[in-house]
Amino acid sequence: MARTESFAVSALTGAEVMVPNPHHQPNPDYWTQVFAAFAIRVIPLTEADMSALAALRAATALKMPDAIVLHTAITHSATIATFDAALIKAAAARGVTTVDR
């Protein structure tokens, strides 16, 4: 039986991807097409996420973008794809699966 996977990013993570270099203008149309081509769902962040995000960042000392990735994985029971050692360690401590290949 074939394994199927879906992909998602938080809205903030998606925005970061759109501007890989802060000295260049983003091309949102291109990235919207990429997200659609790979069926990447964009997960909004809301006011309800603020307290949990603040607590997670304080507990892990992760940079906010990485804390958002971890928070999104926790709240959506998702696996994180990353090479970031600090994020992998924080995820493992919270029972979140990571892949790095």
Protein backbone atom coordinates (compact mmCIF):
# COMPACT_ATOMS: atom_id res chain seq x y z
CA MET A 1 0.00 0.00 0.00
CA ALA A 2 1.45 3.36 -1.00
CA ARG A 3 2.12 5.88 1.72
CA THR A 4 0.56 9.27 1.11
CA GLU A 5 1.70 12.43 2.79
CA SER A 6 0.40 15.94 2.83
CA PHE A 7 2.41 19.07 3.39
CA ALA A 8 1.61 22.25 5.27
CA VAL A 9 3.32 25.43 6.43
CA SER A 10 2.25 28.16 8.77
CA ALA A 11 1.42 31.45 7.09
CA LEU A 12 4.58 32.99 8.61
CA THR A 13 6.78 30.13 7.39
CA GLY A 14 5.25 30.49 3.93
CA ALA A 15 6.03 34.21 3.97
CA GLU A 16 9.64 33.46 4.94
CA VAL A 17 9.97 31.05 2.02
CA MET A 18 8.74 33.78 -0.31
CA VAL A 19 11.66 36.03 0.69
CA PRO A 20 14.78 33.84 0.95
CA ASN A 21 16.96 36.93 0.69
CA PRO A 22 15.71 40.12 2.35
CA HIS A 23 17.42 42.20 -0.35
CA HIS A 24 15.12 40.88 -3.07
CA GLN A 25 11.45 41.49 -3.70
CA PRO A 26 9.19 38.50 -3.09
CA ASN A 27 7.38 36.86 -5.96
CA PRO A 28 4.15 35.75 -4.30
CA ASP A 29 2.55 34.57 -7.54
CA TYR A 30 5.41 32.13 -8.14
CA TRP A 31 5.30 30.77 -4.59
CA THR A 32 1.52 30.50 -4.62
CA GLN A 33 1.89 28.33 -7.71
CA VAL A 34 4.61 26.22 -6.04
CA PHE A 35 2.45 25.69 -2.95
CA ALA A 36 -0.48 24.70 -5.17
CA ALA A 37 1.63 22.36 -7.33
CA PHE A 38 2.82 20.47 -4.26
CA ALA A 39 -0.56 20.74 -2.51
CA ILE A 40 1.03 22.59 0.41
CA ARG A 41 -1.67 23.80 2.76
CA VAL A 42 -1.12 27.14 4.50
CA ILE A 43 -2.13 27.10 8.15
CA PRO A 44 -3.09 30.47 9.62
CA LEU A 45 -1.80 31.71 12.95
CA THR A 46 -4.42 33.29 15.15
CA GLU A 47 -4.71 35.16 18.41
CA ALA A 48 -5.40 31.82 20.08
CA ASP A 49 -1.84 30.71 19.19
CA MET A 50 -0.06 33.62 20.91
CA SER A 51 0.19 32.31 24.48
CA ALA A 52 1.19 28.79 23.45
CA LEU A 53 3.80 30.17 21.05
CA ALA A 54 5.25 32.48 23.68
CA ALA A 55 5.45 29.65 26.20
CA LEU A 56 7.02 27.28 23.66
CA ARG A 57 9.62 29.84 22.62
CA ALA A 58 10.50 30.56 26.25
CA ALA A 59 10.75 26.86 27.09
CA THR A 60 12.89 25.95 24.09
CA ALA A 61 14.89 29.14 23.39
CA LEU A 62 14.16 28.53 19.69
CA LYS A 63 14.03 31.49 17.35
CA MET A 64 10.42 32.48 16.74
CA PRO A 65 10.25 31.05 13.19
CA ASP A 66 11.39 27.65 14.51
CA ALA A 67 9.01 27.91 17.47
CA ILE A 68 6.20 28.50 14.98
CA VAL A 69 7.20 25.40 13.00
CA LEU A 70 7.19 23.33 16.19
CA HIS A 71 3.92 24.83 17.43
CA THR A 72 2.29 24.11 14.07
CA ALA A 73 3.48 20.50 14.19
CA ILE A 74 2.25 20.06 17.76
CA THR A 75 -1.18 21.55 17.12
CA HIS A 76 -1.69 19.63 13.88
CA SER A 77 -0.06 16.33 14.90
CA ALA A 78 2.44 16.72 12.08
CA THR A 79 5.97 15.63 11.29
CA ILE A 80 8.65 18.29 10.81
CA ALA A 81 11.09 18.19 7.90
CA THR A 82 14.25 20.01 9.03
CA PHE A 83 18.02 19.86 9.29
CA ASP A 84 18.07 22.24 12.28
CA ALA A 85 19.57 20.40 15.28
CA ALA A 86 17.95 22.65 17.89
CA LEU A 87 14.52 22.20 16.31
CA ILE A 88 15.02 18.42 16.09
CA LYS A 89 15.98 18.30 19.78
CA ALA A 90 13.04 20.45 20.89
CA ALA A 91 10.65 18.41 18.76
CA ALA A 92 11.94 15.11 20.15
CA ALA A 93 11.49 16.40 23.69
CA ARG A 94 7.84 17.01 22.89
CA GLY A 95 7.20 13.76 21.05
CA VAL A 96 7.11 15.35 17.60
CA THR A 97 8.59 13.27 14.79
CA THR A 98 11.17 14.85 12.49
CA VAL A 99 12.70 13.82 9.19
CA ASP A 100 15.94 15.17 7.83
CA ARG A 101 16.29 13.44 4.50
